[in-house]
Amino acid sequence: MPEAPYPRAVSRRFLTLFLASLLAIGLALAGARVTVPYVLLSPGPAFNTLGTVNAQPVLSIKGHATYPTDGTLDLTTVSVLDHLTLFEALTGWLRSSDAVVPREIVYPPDQSTKQIEQQNQQAMAQSQDDAIAAALHELGVQGTTVVSVGRIATGKPADGRLKVGDVLTSVDGAKVTDVDRLRALLSGRAIGATVVVGYVRGGKPGVVTLPTVASQDSPPHPVIGIEATERTRFPVTVNVMLQDVGGPSAGLMFALGILDKLEPGSLTGGLHVAGTGEITPDGQVGEIGGIQQKMRGARAAGATVFLAPAGNCREAKRAKPAGLRLVKVATLKQALSALATLRAGGTPPTC
């Protein structure tokens, strides 16, 4: 009697399923271990500029009367996950709240992670200074301009001699009044000559003698290897107690928080307001990245109103989560006007 075909067919099916299972397991293991050149952007935490972090006020003010506040003015953030596995990238692509973007967008390949972190910290510090200036200008408080070290080029004369944040006061005894004046004082020297730079660090004055080197411009001019920034020093001192947050996009919400503390009455009318946007010392609000993640983070924190830079409105309108009211702002004055309209029960300009 001939042999029945079933055992052979069953064994082939079993072998096929077994090999397919091994392949699936292998792909799953690879997906969980193999990294891809992308980063994951997801909603980050929101911080109330009128509140506290670790029992410390986010904004503390000296030199001016302050007033009680109510409601919430949240600055919003984006969380960045680096070294994504293939599985994490695929999962992120499927979540509407997240975005998976090429790594070089967040971490340029020509810069080290440390350099990027320093730049983000400097951008955050600059946004705080600009927010303070914008808020105090809105109140009519006058200040004086100071020039500080914003960035130091590796291997250049200032590297290891000056520090980021040093306030530059003089060059060879001549007073530094603004960035243009600093450039003019350095450009008046020959390439290779030494200059004596006066500075203030941590409230203590100092001097350092540095050689000049040729810039990479054409024609070259003498430089000491720093990028200088201007900020305004006011008789009102505002301290921002917020760490592990980088970038410039919190400027608008810092400015609103400062104004709410410095003026009687309530900016929010008790509403839970969140927002984002770079700000200039004269109160212009600029567009930012990660608006989708920031709106979702704001809604998760309980916000019902979101102040969005006018330049982000198209993107924000497409990604607006349910229950969040978008308000379009291009300046600090517009933000203040919109909040006044909301307090009165009206409808401000929307995206």
C-alpha atoms as a PDB file:
ATOM      1  CA  MET A   1       0.000   0.000   0.000  1.00  0.00           C
ATOM      2  CA  PRO A   2       1.490   3.433  -0.925  1.00  0.00           C
ATOM      3  CA  GLU A   3       2.448   5.825   1.875  1.00  0.00           C
ATOM      4  CA  ALA A   4      -0.163   8.460   2.762  1.00  0.00           C
ATOM      5  CA  PRO A   5       0.871  12.074   1.808  1.00  0.00           C
ATOM      6  CA  TYR A   6      -0.410  13.788   4.976  1.00  0.00           C
ATOM      7  CA  PRO A   7       2.614  13.445   7.256  1.00  0.00           C
ATOM      8  CA  ARG A   8       4.888  15.010   4.619  1.00  0.00           C
ATOM      9  CA  ALA A   9       2.431  17.879   3.997  1.00  0.00           C
ATOM     10  CA  VAL A  10       2.052  18.459   7.711  1.00  0.00           C
ATOM     11  CA  SER A  11       5.802  18.478   8.211  1.00  0.00           C
ATOM     12  CA  ARG A  12       6.276  21.018   5.402  1.00  0.00           C
ATOM     13  CA  ARG A  13       3.638  23.311   6.870  1.00  0.00           C
ATOM     14  CA  PHE A  14       5.222  22.975  10.278  1.00  0.00           C
ATOM     15  CA  LEU A  15       8.652  23.768   8.852  1.00  0.00           C
ATOM     16  CA  THR A  16       7.277  26.827   7.034  1.00  0.00           C
ATOM     17  CA  LEU A  17       5.572  28.121  10.165  1.00  0.00           C
ATOM     18  CA  PHE A  18       8.661  27.411  12.223  1.00  0.00           C
ATOM     19  CA  LEU A  19      10.931  29.314   9.827  1.00  0.00           C
ATOM     20  CA  ALA A  20       8.431  32.178   9.587  1.00  0.00           C
ATOM     21  CA  SER A  21       8.287  32.365  13.371  1.00  0.00           C
ATOM     22  CA  LEU A  22      12.075  32.456  13.576  1.00  0.00           C
ATOM     23  CA  LEU A  23      12.142  35.220  10.966  1.00  0.00           C
ATOM     24  CA  ALA A  24       9.489  37.213  12.863  1.00  0.00           C
ATOM     25  CA  ILE A  25      11.386  36.799  16.119  1.00  0.00           C
ATOM     26  CA  GLY A  26      14.618  37.861  14.419  1.00  0.00           C
ATOM     27  CA  LEU A  27      12.984  40.938  12.914  1.00  0.00           C
ATOM     28  CA  ALA A  28      11.438  41.834  16.282  1.00  0.00           C
ATOM     29  CA  LEU A  29      14.799  41.506  18.016  1.00  0.00           C
ATOM     30  CA  ALA A  30      16.469  43.568  15.294  1.00  0.00           C
ATOM     31  CA  GLY A  31      13.740  46.201  15.504  1.00  0.00           C
ATOM     32  CA  ALA A  32      14.252  46.449  19.240  1.00  0.00           C
ATOM     33  CA  ARG A  33      18.039  46.821  18.952  1.00  0.00           C
ATOM     34  CA  VAL A  34      18.935  48.386  15.600  1.00  0.00           C
ATOM     35  CA  THR A  35      19.002  52.185  15.834  1.00  0.00           C
ATOM     36  CA  VAL A  36      17.932  54.540  13.066  1.00  0.00           C
ATOM     37  CA  PRO A  37      19.108  58.122  12.277  1.00  0.00           C
ATOM     38  CA  TYR A  38      15.930  59.739  13.583  1.00  0.00           C
ATOM     39  CA  VAL A  39      14.711  61.349  16.803  1.00  0.00           C
ATOM     40  CA  LEU A  40      11.268  61.237  18.382  1.00  0.00           C
ATOM     41  CA  LEU A  41       9.511  64.477  19.289  1.00  0.00           C
ATOM     42  CA  SER A  42       6.710  64.071  21.832  1.00  0.00           C
ATOM     43  CA  PRO A  43       4.707  66.376  24.137  1.00  0.00           C
ATOM     44  CA  GLY A  44       6.847  67.580  27.030  1.00  0.00           C
ATOM     45  CA  PRO A  45       5.822  68.930  30.428  1.00  0.00           C
ATOM     46  CA  ALA A  46       4.181  72.324  30.874  1.00  0.00           C
ATOM     47  CA  PHE A  47       5.444  74.762  33.506  1.00  0.00           C
ATOM     48  CA  ASN A  48       3.282  77.464  35.032  1.00  0.00           C
ATOM     49  CA  THR A  49       5.279  80.702  34.997  1.00  0.00           C
ATOM     50  CA  LEU A  50       3.057  81.922  37.840  1.00  0.00           C
ATOM     51  CA  GLY A  51       3.689  78.799  39.901  1.00  0.00           C
ATOM     52  CA  THR A  52       6.527  76.940  41.564  1.00  0.00           C
ATOM     53  CA  VAL A  53       8.966  74.159  40.715  1.00  0.00           C
ATOM     54  CA  ASN A  54      10.517  72.212  43.597  1.00  0.00           C
ATOM     55  CA  ALA A  55       8.878  74.630  46.045  1.00  0.00           C
ATOM     56  CA  GLN A  56      10.613  77.608  44.377  1.00  0.00           C
ATOM     57  CA  PRO A  57       8.742  80.258  42.358  1.00  0.00           C
ATOM     58  CA  VAL A  58       9.476  80.015  38.638  1.00  0.00           C
ATOM     59  CA  LEU A  59       9.654  83.824  38.547  1.00  0.00           C
ATOM     60  CA  SER A  60      10.969  85.819  41.502  1.00  0.00           C
ATOM     61  CA  ILE A  61      11.180  89.607  41.271  1.00  0.00           C
ATOM     62  CA  LYS A  62      13.071  92.219  43.273  1.00  0.00           C
ATOM     63  CA  GLY A  63      13.123  95.996  42.949  1.00  0.00           C
ATOM     64  CA  HIS A  64       9.445  96.413  42.047  1.00  0.00           C
ATOM     65  CA  ALA A  65       6.122  95.836  43.769  1.00  0.00           C
ATOM     66  CA  THR A  66       4.485  92.497  42.934  1.00  0.00           C
ATOM     67  CA  TYR A  67       0.836  91.488  43.114  1.00  0.00           C
ATOM     68  CA  PRO A  68      -1.125  88.243  43.634  1.00  0.00           C
ATOM     69  CA  THR A  69      -1.993  86.234  40.540  1.00  0.00           C
ATOM     70  CA  ASP A  70      -4.569  83.626  39.658  1.00  0.00           C
ATOM     71  CA  GLY A  71      -5.109  81.310  36.728  1.00  0.00           C
ATOM     72  CA  THR A  72      -2.228  79.678  34.865  1.00  0.00           C
ATOM     73  CA  LEU A  73       0.276  80.821  32.237  1.00  0.00           C
ATOM     74  CA  ASP A  74       2.006  77.662  31.054  1.00  0.00           C
ATOM     75  CA  LEU A  75       5.121  77.561  28.930  1.00  0.00           C
ATOM     76  CA  THR A  76       5.208  74.380  26.885  1.00  0.00           C
ATOM     77  CA  THR A  77       8.030  72.042  25.889  1.00  0.00           C
ATOM     78  CA  VAL A  78       8.927  69.199  23.549  1.00  0.00           C
ATOM     79  CA  SER A  79      10.593  66.000  24.726  1.00  0.00           C
ATOM     80  CA  VAL A  80      13.302  64.622  22.420  1.00  0.00           C
ATOM     81  CA  LEU A  81      14.216  60.926  22.390  1.00  0.00           C
ATOM     82  CA  ASP A  82      17.512  60.164  20.642  1.00  0.00           C
ATOM     83  CA  HIS A  83      19.069  56.851  19.514  1.00  0.00           C
ATOM     84  CA  LEU A  84      15.727  55.473  18.358  1.00  0.00           C
ATOM     85  CA  THR A  85      15.352  51.805  17.626  1.00  0.00           C
ATOM     86  CA  LEU A  86      13.510  50.811  14.469  1.00  0.00           C
ATOM     87  CA  PHE A  87      10.579  49.653  16.607  1.00  0.00           C
ATOM     88  CA  GLU A  88      10.433  52.990  18.474  1.00  0.00           C
ATOM     89  CA  ALA A  89      10.543  54.924  15.194  1.00  0.00           C
ATOM     90  CA  LEU A  90       7.710  52.882  13.688  1.00  0.00           C
ATOM     91  CA  THR A  91       5.640  53.270  16.855  1.00  0.00           C
ATOM     92  CA  GLY A  92       6.250  57.025  16.847  1.00  0.00           C
ATOM     93  CA  TRP A  93       5.144  57.332  13.220  1.00  0.00           C
ATOM     94  CA  LEU A  94       1.841  55.722  14.162  1.00  0.00           C
ATOM     95  CA  ARG A  95       1.122  58.090  17.079  1.00  0.00           C
ATOM     96  CA  SER A  96      -0.576  61.333  16.052  1.00  0.00           C
ATOM     97  CA  SER A  97       0.867  63.149  19.080  1.00  0.00           C
ATOM     98  CA  ASP A  98       4.480  62.453  18.092  1.00  0.00           C
ATOM     99  CA  ALA A  99       6.779  63.261  15.212  1.00  0.00           C
ATOM    100  CA  VAL A 100       9.768  61.308  13.938  1.00  0.00           C
ATOM    101  CA  VAL A 101      12.289  63.574  12.203  1.00  0.00           C
ATOM    102  CA  PRO A 102      15.821  63.126  10.816  1.00  0.00           C
ATOM    103  CA  ARG A 103      18.381  63.383  13.582  1.00  0.00           C
ATOM    104  CA  GLU A 104      20.408  66.113  11.848  1.00  0.00           C
ATOM    105  CA  ILE A 105      17.486  68.537  12.225  1.00  0.00           C
ATOM    106  CA  VAL A 106      17.875  68.462  16.018  1.00  0.00           C
ATOM    107  CA  TYR A 107      21.544  67.442  16.256  1.00  0.00           C
ATOM    108  CA  PRO A 108      23.558  68.975  13.386  1.00  0.00           C
ATOM    109  CA  PRO A 109      26.370  66.573  12.439  1.00  0.00           C
ATOM    110  CA  ASP A 110      29.013  69.302  12.540  1.00  0.00           C
ATOM    111  CA  GLN A 111      28.360  70.008  16.240  1.00  0.00           C
ATOM    112  CA  SER A 112      28.938  67.909  19.335  1.00  0.00           C
ATOM    113  CA  THR A 113      26.135  67.080  21.753  1.00  0.00           C
ATOM    114  CA  LYS A 114      27.839  69.295  24.338  1.00  0.00           C
ATOM    115  CA  GLN A 115      27.926  72.232  21.915  1.00  0.00           C
ATOM    116  CA  ILE A 116      24.237  71.786  21.114  1.00  0.00           C
ATOM    117  CA  GLU A 117      23.335  71.639  24.813  1.00  0.00           C
ATOM    118  CA  GLN A 118      25.346  74.803  25.467  1.00  0.00           C
ATOM    119  CA  GLN A 119      23.600  76.573  22.582  1.00  0.00           C
ATOM    120  CA  ASN A 120      20.174  75.505  23.863  1.00  0.00           C
ATOM    121  CA  GLN A 121      21.034  76.742  27.353  1.00  0.00           C
ATOM    122  CA  GLN A 122      22.307  80.018  25.935  1.00  0.00           C
ATOM    123  CA  ALA A 123      19.155  80.364  23.814  1.00  0.00           C
ATOM    124  CA  MET A 124      17.033  79.801  26.918  1.00  0.00           C
ATOM    125  CA  ALA A 125      19.032  82.387  28.873  1.00  0.00           C
ATOM    126  CA  GLN A 126      18.696  84.854  25.985  1.00  0.00           C
ATOM    127  CA  SER A 127      14.944  84.225  25.792  1.00  0.00           C
ATOM    128  CA  GLN A 128      14.668  85.028  29.496  1.00  0.00           C
ATOM    129  CA  ASP A 129      16.628  88.258  29.062  1.00  0.00           C
ATOM    130  CA  ASP A 130      14.511  89.221  26.040  1.00  0.00           C
ATOM    131  CA  ALA A 131      11.307  88.420  27.916  1.00  0.00           C
ATOM    132  CA  ILE A 132      12.375  90.557  30.861  1.00  0.00           C
ATOM    133  CA  ALA A 133      13.246  93.411  28.496  1.00  0.00           C
ATOM    134  CA  ALA A 134       9.945  93.102  26.600  1.00  0.00           C
ATOM    135  CA  ALA A 135       7.888  93.047  29.814  1.00  0.00           C
ATOM    136  CA  LEU A 136       9.688  95.977  31.426  1.00  0.00           C
ATOM    137  CA  HIS A 137       9.600  98.019  28.218  1.00  0.00           C
ATOM    138  CA  GLU A 138       5.842  97.425  28.193  1.00  0.00           C
ATOM    139  CA  LEU A 139       5.752  98.948  31.682  1.00  0.00           C
ATOM    140  CA  GLY A 140       7.975 101.861  30.655  1.00  0.00           C
ATOM    141  CA  VAL A 141      10.927 100.805  32.833  1.00  0.00           C
ATOM    142  CA  GLN A 142      14.229 102.026  31.351  1.00  0.00           C
ATOM    143  CA  GLY A 143      17.480 100.053  31.409  1.00  0.00           C
ATOM    144  CA  THR A 144      21.097 100.151  30.252  1.00  0.00           C
ATOM    145  CA  THR A 145      22.697  97.979  27.564  1.00  0.00           C
ATOM    146  CA  VAL A 146      25.407  95.480  28.500  1.00  0.00           C
ATOM    147  CA  VAL A 147      27.473  93.256  26.201  1.00  0.00           C
ATOM    148  CA  SER A 148      28.218  89.695  27.247  1.00  0.00           C
ATOM    149  CA  VAL A 149      29.950  86.611  25.854  1.00  0.00           C
ATOM    150  CA  GLY A 150      27.368  84.406  24.177  1.00  0.00           C
ATOM    151  CA  ARG A 151      29.645  81.821  22.582  1.00  0.00           C
ATOM    152  CA  ILE A 152      33.358  81.005  22.504  1.00  0.00           C
ATOM    153  CA  ALA A 153      35.039  79.357  19.520  1.00  0.00           C
ATOM    154  CA  THR A 154      37.130  76.314  20.390  1.00  0.00           C
ATOM    155  CA  GLY A 155      40.849  76.870  20.010  1.00  0.00           C
ATOM    156  CA  LYS A 156      40.576  80.649  19.610  1.00  0.00           C
ATOM    157  CA  PRO A 157      42.271  83.176  21.960  1.00  0.00           C
ATOM    158  CA  ALA A 158      39.265  83.580  24.281  1.00  0.00           C
ATOM    159  CA  ASP A 159      38.903  79.811  24.775  1.00  0.00           C
ATOM    160  CA  GLY A 160      39.693  79.068  28.424  1.00  0.00           C
ATOM    161  CA  ARG A 161      40.251  82.748  29.237  1.00  0.00           C
ATOM    162  CA  LEU A 162      36.737  84.162  29.035  1.00  0.00           C
ATOM    163  CA  LYS A 163      33.484  82.382  29.932  1.00  0.00           C
ATOM    164  CA  VAL A 164      30.005  82.423  28.455  1.00  0.00           C
ATOM    165  CA  GLY A 165      28.046  85.062  30.376  1.00  0.00           C
ATOM    166  CA  ASP A 166      31.015  87.334  31.123  1.00  0.00           C
ATOM    167  CA  VAL A 167      29.977  90.979  30.764  1.00  0.00           C
ATOM    168  CA  LEU A 168      32.495  92.816  28.570  1.00  0.00           C
ATOM    169  CA  THR A 169      33.232  96.313  29.829  1.00  0.00           C
ATOM    170  CA  SER A 170      36.301  97.584  27.946  1.00  0.00           C
ATOM    171  CA  VAL A 171      38.935  96.987  25.284  1.00  0.00           C
ATOM    172  CA  ASP A 172      42.321  98.583  26.000  1.00  0.00           C
ATOM    173  CA  GLY A 173      40.595 100.927  28.437  1.00  0.00           C
ATOM    174  CA  ALA A 174      37.906 102.111  26.005  1.00  0.00           C
ATOM    175  CA  LYS A 175      34.348 101.480  27.216  1.00  0.00           C
ATOM    176  CA  VAL A 176      32.232  98.821  25.481  1.00  0.00           C
ATOM    177  CA  THR A 177      28.728 100.245  25.085  1.00  0.00           C
ATOM    178  CA  ASP A 178      27.214  97.798  22.574  1.00  0.00           C
ATOM    179  CA  VAL A 179      28.206  95.027  20.166  1.00  0.00           C
ATOM    180  CA  ASP A 180      28.984  97.461  17.337  1.00  0.00           C
ATOM    181  CA  ARG A 181      31.329  99.386  19.641  1.00  0.00           C
ATOM    182  CA  LEU A 182      33.104  96.143  20.613  1.00  0.00           C
ATOM    183  CA  ARG A 183      33.616  95.237  16.949  1.00  0.00           C
ATOM    184  CA  ALA A 184      34.926  98.685  16.172  1.00  0.00           C
ATOM    185  CA  LEU A 185      37.410  98.574  19.050  1.00  0.00           C
ATOM    186  CA  LEU A 186      38.756  95.174  17.943  1.00  0.00           C
ATOM    187  CA  SER A 187      38.811  96.088  14.250  1.00  0.00           C
ATOM    188  CA  GLY A 188      40.984  99.077  15.057  1.00  0.00           C
ATOM    189  CA  ARG A 189      43.818  96.728  16.050  1.00  0.00           C
ATOM    190  CA  ALA A 190      46.219  94.896  13.747  1.00  0.00           C
ATOM    191  CA  ILE A 191      45.750  91.151  13.275  1.00  0.00           C
ATOM    192  CA  GLY A 192      48.114  89.472  15.740  1.00  0.00           C
ATOM    193  CA  ALA A 193      48.190  92.406  18.154  1.00  0.00           C
ATOM    194  CA  THR A 194      47.203  91.878  21.790  1.00  0.00           C
ATOM    195  CA  VAL A 195      44.253  93.549  23.484  1.00  0.00           C
ATOM    196  CA  VAL A 196      43.355  93.963  27.138  1.00  0.00           C
ATOM    197  CA  VAL A 197      39.706  93.044  27.668  1.00  0.00           C
ATOM    198  CA  GLY A 198      37.884  94.143  30.805  1.00  0.00           C
ATOM    199  CA  TYR A 199      34.977  92.018  32.028  1.00  0.00           C
ATOM    200  CA  VAL A 200      32.719  91.308  35.001  1.00  0.00           C
ATOM    201  CA  ARG A 201      32.124  87.714  36.108  1.00  0.00           C
ATOM    202  CA  GLY A 202      29.823  86.874  39.003  1.00  0.00           C
ATOM    203  CA  GLY A 203      29.841  90.512  40.066  1.00  0.00           C
ATOM    204  CA  LYS A 204      33.660  90.671  40.200  1.00  0.00           C
ATOM    205  CA  PRO A 205      35.661  92.718  37.659  1.00  0.00           C
ATOM    206  CA  GLY A 206      38.683  91.287  35.880  1.00  0.00           C
ATOM    207  CA  VAL A 207      40.967  91.794  32.879  1.00  0.00           C
ATOM    208  CA  VAL A 208      42.537  89.401  30.407  1.00  0.00           C
ATOM    209  CA  THR A 209      45.166  90.008  27.736  1.00  0.00           C
ATOM    210  CA  LEU A 210      44.412  88.212  24.467  1.00  0.00           C
ATOM    211  CA  PRO A 211      46.063  88.074  21.059  1.00  0.00           C
ATOM    212  CA  THR A 212      43.893  88.741  18.040  1.00  0.00           C
ATOM    213  CA  VAL A 213      43.646  86.353  15.094  1.00  0.00           C
ATOM    214  CA  ALA A 214      42.307  86.741  11.575  1.00  0.00           C
ATOM    215  CA  SER A 215      38.611  86.179  11.017  1.00  0.00           C
ATOM    216  CA  GLN A 216      37.364  83.940   8.231  1.00  0.00           C
ATOM    217  CA  ASP A 217      35.725  86.859   6.475  1.00  0.00           C
ATOM    218  CA  SER A 218      37.032  88.441   3.298  1.00  0.00           C
ATOM    219  CA  PRO A 219      38.829  90.675   3.887  1.00  0.00           C
ATOM    220  CA  PRO A 220      39.811  89.275   7.309  1.00  0.00           C
ATOM    221  CA  HIS A 221      39.706  91.409  10.435  1.00  0.00           C
ATOM    222  CA  PRO A 222      41.043  90.879  13.970  1.00  0.00           C
ATOM    223  CA  VAL A 223      38.921  88.794  16.355  1.00  0.00           C
ATOM    224  CA  ILE A 224      39.373  87.069  19.710  1.00  0.00           C
ATOM    225  CA  GLY A 225      37.039  84.142  19.026  1.00  0.00           C
ATOM    226  CA  ILE A 226      33.786  85.104  20.738  1.00  0.00           C
ATOM    227  CA  GLU A 227      30.205  85.767  19.735  1.00  0.00           C
ATOM    228  CA  ALA A 228      28.931  88.711  21.737  1.00  0.00           C
ATOM    229  CA  THR A 229      25.314  89.410  22.658  1.00  0.00           C
ATOM    230  CA  GLU A 230      23.531  92.489  23.932  1.00  0.00           C
ATOM    231  CA  ARG A 231      21.054  92.586  26.765  1.00  0.00           C
ATOM    232  CA  THR A 232      19.487  95.326  28.825  1.00  0.00           C
ATOM    233  CA  ARG A 233      20.138  95.620  32.534  1.00  0.00           C
ATOM    234  CA  PHE A 234      17.181  96.971  34.463  1.00  0.00           C
ATOM    235  CA  PRO A 235      16.722  98.300  38.000  1.00  0.00           C
ATOM    236  CA  VAL A 236      14.220  95.450  38.418  1.00  0.00           C
ATOM    237  CA  THR A 237      15.759  92.005  38.963  1.00  0.00           C
ATOM    238  CA  VAL A 238      13.900  88.974  37.623  1.00  0.00           C
ATOM    239  CA  ASN A 239      15.213  85.497  38.420  1.00  0.00           C
ATOM    240  CA  VAL A 240      13.951  82.464  36.510  1.00  0.00           C
ATOM    241  CA  MET A 241      14.171  79.224  38.476  1.00  0.00           C
ATOM    242  CA  LEU A 242      13.722  76.632  35.752  1.00  0.00           C
ATOM    243  CA  GLN A 243      16.346  74.075  34.804  1.00  0.00           C
ATOM    244  CA  ASP A 244      16.609  71.343  32.184  1.00  0.00           C
ATOM    245  CA  VAL A 245      14.626  73.397  29.688  1.00  0.00           C
ATOM    246  CA  GLY A 246      16.447  74.748  26.648  1.00  0.00           C
ATOM    247  CA  GLY A 247      15.745  76.802  23.569  1.00  0.00           C
ATOM    248  CA  PRO A 248      14.208  80.234  22.982  1.00  0.00           C
ATOM    249  CA  SER A 249      10.509  79.417  22.630  1.00  0.00           C
ATOM    250  CA  ALA A 250       9.427  80.234  26.211  1.00  0.00           C
ATOM    251  CA  GLY A 251       9.947  83.979  25.762  1.00  0.00           C
ATOM    252  CA  LEU A 252       6.312  85.013  25.302  1.00  0.00           C
ATOM    253  CA  MET A 253       5.073  83.109  28.352  1.00  0.00           C
ATOM    254  CA  PHE A 254       7.928  84.417  30.528  1.00  0.00           C
ATOM    255  CA  ALA A 255       7.025  87.986  29.507  1.00  0.00           C
ATOM    256  CA  LEU A 256       3.343  87.465  30.321  1.00  0.00           C
ATOM    257  CA  GLY A 257       4.186  85.872  33.655  1.00  0.00           C
ATOM    258  CA  ILE A 258       6.412  88.818  34.590  1.00  0.00           C
ATOM    259  CA  LEU A 259       3.724  91.343  33.635  1.00  0.00           C
ATOM    260  CA  ASP A 260       1.064  89.464  35.602  1.00  0.00           C
ATOM    261  CA  LYS A 261       3.227  89.647  38.723  1.00  0.00           C
ATOM    262  CA  LEU A 262       4.195  93.295  38.256  1.00  0.00           C
ATOM    263  CA  GLU A 263       0.723  94.721  37.603  1.00  0.00           C
ATOM    264  CA  PRO A 264      -2.364  94.597  39.816  1.00  0.00           C
ATOM    265  CA  GLY A 265      -5.264  92.516  38.570  1.00  0.00           C
ATOM    266  CA  SER A 266      -5.273  89.250  36.663  1.00  0.00           C
ATOM    267  CA  LEU A 267      -4.083  88.711  33.102  1.00  0.00           C
ATOM    268  CA  THR A 268      -5.817  85.351  32.800  1.00  0.00           C
ATOM    269  CA  GLY A 269      -9.102  86.039  34.579  1.00  0.00           C
ATOM    270  CA  GLY A 270      -8.638  82.651  36.208  1.00  0.00           C
ATOM    271  CA  LEU A 271      -8.292  80.778  32.897  1.00  0.00           C
ATOM    272  CA  HIS A 272      -5.749  78.032  32.253  1.00  0.00           C
ATOM    273  CA  VAL A 273      -3.699  79.584  29.445  1.00  0.00           C
ATOM    274  CA  ALA A 274      -0.703  78.019  27.732  1.00  0.00           C
ATOM    275  CA  GLY A 275       1.404  79.165  24.822  1.00  0.00           C
ATOM    276  CA  THR A 276       4.733  79.423  23.104  1.00  0.00           C
ATOM    277  CA  GLY A 277       6.779  81.810  20.980  1.00  0.00           C
ATOM    278  CA  GLU A 278      10.137  83.504  20.821  1.00  0.00           C
ATOM    279  CA  ILE A 279      10.112  87.144  21.827  1.00  0.00           C
ATOM    280  CA  THR A 280      12.325  90.105  21.021  1.00  0.00           C
ATOM    281  CA  PRO A 281      13.091  92.924  23.479  1.00  0.00           C
ATOM    282  CA  ASP A 282      10.623  95.136  21.597  1.00  0.00           C
ATOM    283  CA  GLY A 283       7.856  92.549  21.972  1.00  0.00           C
ATOM    284  CA  GLN A 284       7.740  90.819  18.574  1.00  0.00           C
ATOM    285  CA  VAL A 285       6.614  87.175  18.818  1.00  0.00           C
ATOM    286  CA  GLY A 286       8.354  84.719  16.478  1.00  0.00           C
ATOM    287  CA  GLU A 287       7.387  81.259  15.297  1.00  0.00           C
ATOM    288  CA  ILE A 288       8.829  78.112  16.853  1.00  0.00           C
ATOM    289  CA  GLY A 289       9.182  74.372  16.226  1.00  0.00           C
ATOM    290  CA  GLY A 290       7.179  71.524  17.723  1.00  0.00           C
ATOM    291  CA  ILE A 291       3.867  73.373  17.854  1.00  0.00           C
ATOM    292  CA  GLN A 292       1.901  70.110  17.532  1.00  0.00           C
ATOM    293  CA  GLN A 293       3.612  68.505  20.524  1.00  0.00           C
ATOM    294  CA  LYS A 294       3.377  71.698  22.578  1.00  0.00           C
ATOM    295  CA  MET A 295      -0.368  72.016  22.041  1.00  0.00           C
ATOM    296  CA  ARG A 296      -0.937  68.407  23.079  1.00  0.00           C
ATOM    297  CA  GLY A 297       1.256  68.884  26.153  1.00  0.00           C
ATOM    298  CA  ALA A 298      -0.732  72.003  27.041  1.00  0.00           C
ATOM    299  CA  ARG A 299      -4.064  70.216  26.691  1.00  0.00           C
ATOM    300  CA  ALA A 300      -2.816  67.293  28.769  1.00  0.00           C
ATOM    301  CA  ALA A 301      -1.888  69.799  31.506  1.00  0.00           C
ATOM    302  CA  GLY A 302      -5.442  71.182  31.485  1.00  0.00           C
ATOM    303  CA  ALA A 303      -5.078  74.305  29.320  1.00  0.00           C
ATOM    304  CA  THR A 304      -8.158  75.530  27.467  1.00  0.00           C
ATOM    305  CA  VAL A 305      -6.502  78.481  25.690  1.00  0.00           C
ATOM    306  CA  PHE A 306      -3.288  78.351  23.661  1.00  0.00           C
ATOM    307  CA  LEU A 307      -1.390  81.435  22.475  1.00  0.00           C
ATOM    308  CA  ALA A 308       0.174  80.512  19.132  1.00  0.00           C
ATOM    309  CA  PRO A 309       2.639  82.637  17.138  1.00  0.00           C
ATOM    310  CA  ALA A 310       1.010  83.943  13.969  1.00  0.00           C
ATOM    311  CA  GLY A 311       3.736  82.247  11.911  1.00  0.00           C
ATOM    312  CA  ASN A 312       2.693  78.842  13.287  1.00  0.00           C
ATOM    313  CA  CYS A 313      -1.048  79.284  12.789  1.00  0.00           C
ATOM    314  CA  ARG A 314      -1.503  77.141   9.688  1.00  0.00           C
ATOM    315  CA  GLU A 315       0.312  74.183  11.219  1.00  0.00           C
ATOM    316  CA  ALA A 316      -1.355  74.698  14.597  1.00  0.00           C
ATOM    317  CA  LYS A 317      -4.861  74.804  13.134  1.00  0.00           C
ATOM    318  CA  ARG A 318      -4.355  71.429  11.430  1.00  0.00           C
ATOM    319  CA  ALA A 319      -3.121  69.760  14.637  1.00  0.00           C
ATOM    320  CA  LYS A 320      -5.293  71.456  17.286  1.00  0.00           C
ATOM    321  CA  PRO A 321      -6.447  68.968  19.940  1.00  0.00           C
ATOM    322  CA  ALA A 322     -10.082  68.962  21.005  1.00  0.00           C
ATOM    323  CA  GLY A 323     -10.949  71.354  23.814  1.00  0.00           C
ATOM    324  CA  LEU A 324      -8.120  73.804  23.113  1.00  0.00           C
ATOM    325  CA  ARG A 325      -8.876  77.316  21.861  1.00  0.00           C
ATOM    326  CA  LEU A 326      -6.176  78.739  19.567  1.00  0.00           C
ATOM    327  CA  VAL A 327      -5.379  82.449  19.817  1.00  0.00           C
ATOM    328  CA  LYS A 328      -3.136  84.073  17.207  1.00  0.00           C
ATOM    329  CA  VAL A 329      -0.499  86.557  18.435  1.00  0.00           C
ATOM    330  CA  ALA A 330       2.305  88.366  16.645  1.00  0.00           C
ATOM    331  CA  THR A 331       3.348  90.766  19.427  1.00  0.00           C
ATOM    332  CA  LEU A 332       3.265  90.997  23.196  1.00  0.00           C
ATOM    333  CA  LYS A 333       0.695  93.785  22.915  1.00  0.00           C
ATOM    334  CA  GLN A 334      -1.556  91.507  20.868  1.00  0.00           C
ATOM    335  CA  ALA A 335      -1.229  88.780  23.504  1.00  0.00           C
ATOM    336  CA  LEU A 336      -2.216  91.233  26.230  1.00  0.00           C
ATOM    337  CA  SER A 337      -5.144  92.465  24.152  1.00  0.00           C
ATOM    338  CA  ALA A 338      -6.289  88.892  23.478  1.00  0.00           C
ATOM    339  CA  LEU A 339      -6.213  88.049  27.186  1.00  0.00           C
ATOM    340  CA  ALA A 340      -8.199  91.208  27.978  1.00  0.00           C
ATOM    341  CA  THR A 341     -10.799  90.152  25.387  1.00  0.00           C
ATOM    342  CA  LEU A 342     -11.019  86.672  26.931  1.00  0.00           C
ATOM    343  CA  ARG A 343     -11.457  88.147  30.424  1.00  0.00           C
ATOM    344  CA  ALA A 344     -14.371  90.197  29.097  1.00  0.00           C
ATOM    345  CA  GLY A 345     -15.966  87.121  27.556  1.00  0.00           C
ATOM    346  CA  GLY A 346     -15.168  88.107  23.981  1.00  0.00           C
ATOM    347  CA  THR A 347     -13.522  86.334  21.070  1.00  0.00           C
ATOM    348  CA  PRO A 348      -9.913  87.308  20.263  1.00  0.00           C
ATOM    349  CA  PRO A 349      -8.277  86.689  16.857  1.00  0.00           C
ATOM    350  CA  THR A 350      -7.887  82.949  16.266  1.00  0.00           C
ATOM    351  CA  CYS A 351      -5.795  80.848  13.919  1.00  0.00           C
END
